[in-house]
C-alpha atoms as a PDB file:
ATOM      1  CA  MET A   1     118.805  83.772 100.741  1.00  0.00           C
ATOM      2  CA  GLN A   2     117.001  87.413 101.867  1.00  0.00           C
ATOM      3  CA  GLU A   3     113.974  88.335 100.908  1.00  0.00           C
ATOM      4  CA  GLN A   4     113.877  91.619  98.637  1.00  0.00           C
ATOM      5  CA  LEU A   5     112.384  94.799  99.325  1.00  0.00           C
ATOM      6  CA  GLY A   6     108.417  94.963  98.219  1.00  0.00           C
ATOM      7  CA  ALA A   7     107.768  97.825  95.279  1.00  0.00           C
ATOM      8  CA  ARG A   8     106.139 100.212  97.843  1.00  0.00           C
ATOM      9  CA  GLU A   9     109.550 100.063  99.886  1.00  0.00           C
ATOM     10  CA  GLN A  10     111.591 100.424  97.029  1.00  0.00           C
ATOM     11  CA  ALA A  11     109.670 103.719  95.527  1.00  0.00           C
ATOM     12  CA  VAL A  12     109.892 105.103  99.322  1.00  0.00           C
ATOM     13  CA  LEU A  13     113.691 104.686  99.252  1.00  0.00           C
ATOM     14  CA  ALA A  14     113.759 105.978  95.224  1.00  0.00           C
ATOM     15  CA  LEU A  15     111.623 108.931  96.313  1.00  0.00           C
ATOM     16  CA  GLU A  16     114.152 109.826  99.027  1.00  0.00           C
ATOM     17  CA  ARG A  17     117.050 109.656  96.680  1.00  0.00           C
ATOM     18  CA  ARG A  18     115.368 112.696  94.662  1.00  0.00           C
ATOM     19  CA  GLY A  19     115.604 116.421  95.364  1.00  0.00           C
ATOM     20  CA  PHE A  20     113.124 118.549  96.058  1.00  0.00           C
ATOM     21  CA  SER A  21     112.525 121.813  95.091  1.00  0.00           C
ATOM     22  CA  GLY A  22     110.424 124.090  97.420  1.00  0.00           C
ATOM     23  CA  PRO A  23     108.075 123.922 100.175  1.00  0.00           C
ATOM     24  CA  GLY A  24     105.707 121.012  99.806  1.00  0.00           C
ATOM     25  CA  ALA A  25     106.919 119.391  96.668  1.00  0.00           C
ATOM     26  CA  LYS A  26     107.895 116.237  98.598  1.00  0.00           C
ATOM     27  CA  GLU A  27     104.596 116.256 100.432  1.00  0.00           C
ATOM     28  CA  ARG A  28     102.907 116.445  97.129  1.00  0.00           C
ATOM     29  CA  ALA A  29     105.063 113.533  95.460  1.00  0.00           C
ATOM     30  CA  ILE A  30     104.111 111.302  98.606  1.00  0.00           C
ATOM     31  CA  ARG A  31     100.542 111.580  97.934  1.00  0.00           C
ATOM     32  CA  GLU A  32     100.580 111.597  94.014  1.00  0.00           C
ATOM     33  CA  GLU A  33     103.365 108.777  93.750  1.00  0.00           C
ATOM     34  CA  LEU A  34     102.718 106.869  96.608  1.00  0.00           C
ATOM     35  CA  ASP A  35      99.329 107.348  97.602  1.00  0.00           C
ATOM     36  CA  LEU A  36     100.337 107.623 101.429  1.00  0.00           C
ATOM     37  CA  SER A  37      99.707 110.345 103.945  1.00  0.00           C
ATOM     38  CA  PRO A  38     103.188 111.749 104.873  1.00  0.00           C
ATOM     39  CA  PHE A  39     102.554 110.231 108.294  1.00  0.00           C
ATOM     40  CA  HIS A  40     102.390 107.160 107.049  1.00  0.00           C
ATOM     41  CA  TYR A  41     104.995 107.653 104.589  1.00  0.00           C
ATOM     42  CA  TYR A  42     107.483 108.560 107.296  1.00  0.00           C
ATOM     43  CA  GLN A  43     106.299 105.620 109.417  1.00  0.00           C
ATOM     44  CA  LEU A  44     107.298 103.375 106.860  1.00  0.00           C
ATOM     45  CA  LEU A  45     110.816 104.947 105.775  1.00  0.00           C
ATOM     46  CA  ASN A  46     111.490 104.972 109.553  1.00  0.00           C
ATOM     47  CA  ALA A  47     110.887 101.214 109.921  1.00  0.00           C
ATOM     48  CA  LEU A  48     112.860 100.838 106.512  1.00  0.00           C
ATOM     49  CA  LEU A  49     116.011 102.471 107.961  1.00  0.00           C
ATOM     50  CA  ASP A  50     116.263  99.670 110.308  1.00  0.00           C
ATOM     51  CA  ASP A  51     115.419  97.235 107.895  1.00  0.00           C
ATOM     52  CA  PRO A  52     118.996  95.163 106.527  1.00  0.00           C
ATOM     53  CA  ARG A  53     116.949  94.186 103.554  1.00  0.00           C
ATOM     54  CA  ALA A  54     116.692  98.083 102.434  1.00  0.00           C
ATOM     55  CA  LEU A  55     120.359  98.404 103.661  1.00  0.00           C
ATOM     56  CA  ALA A  56     121.196  95.762 101.162  1.00  0.00           C
ATOM     57  CA  HIS A  57     118.847  97.495  98.400  1.00  0.00           C
ATOM     58  CA  ASP A  58     120.154 101.560  98.782  1.00  0.00           C
ATOM     59  CA  PRO A  59     123.001 101.211 101.362  1.00  0.00           C
ATOM     60  CA  VAL A  60     124.108 105.129 100.242  1.00  0.00           C
ATOM     61  CA  THR A  61     120.540 106.514 100.696  1.00  0.00           C
ATOM     62  CA  VAL A  62     120.277 104.396 104.141  1.00  0.00           C
ATOM     63  CA  ASN A  63     123.041 105.242 105.413  1.00  0.00           C
ATOM     64  CA  ARG A  64     122.568 109.200 105.072  1.00  0.00           C
ATOM     65  CA  LEU A  65     119.070 108.528 106.635  1.00  0.00           C
ATOM     66  CA  ARG A  66     120.613 106.765 109.783  1.00  0.00           C
ATOM     67  CA  ARG A  67     122.746 109.843 110.071  1.00  0.00           C
ATOM     68  CA  VAL A  68     120.190 112.448 109.599  1.00  0.00           C
ATOM     69  CA  ARG A  69     118.143 110.565 112.181  1.00  0.00           C
ATOM     70  CA  GLU A  70     121.264 110.162 114.682  1.00  0.00           C
ATOM     71  CA  SER A  71     121.736 113.571 114.482  1.00  0.00           C
ATOM     72  CA  ARG A  72     118.092 114.688 115.023  1.00  0.00           C
ATOM     73  CA  ARG A  73     117.868 112.422 117.928  1.00  0.00           C
ATOM     74  CA  GLY A  74     121.130 113.722 119.549  1.00  0.00           C
ATOM     75  CA  GLU A  75     119.195 117.611 119.079  1.00  0.00           C
ATOM     76  CA  ARG A  76     116.383 116.233 121.517  1.00  0.00           C
END
């Protein structure tokens, strides 16, 4: 049986499901709610996008973020 995501990983995906209004709102939530720097948050998020446990936990969010990542890679 596959191991479940930890609480922090689940919180990262939950934060990504939310919409944020205004510049800086997401970064503020990252710092206040997860106690992470935005840099470490995005490192963790990027690793989660390649984690099959994350896909099993929240396929809609993970697939959406994978599409965004791929489109950004195509722009470079």
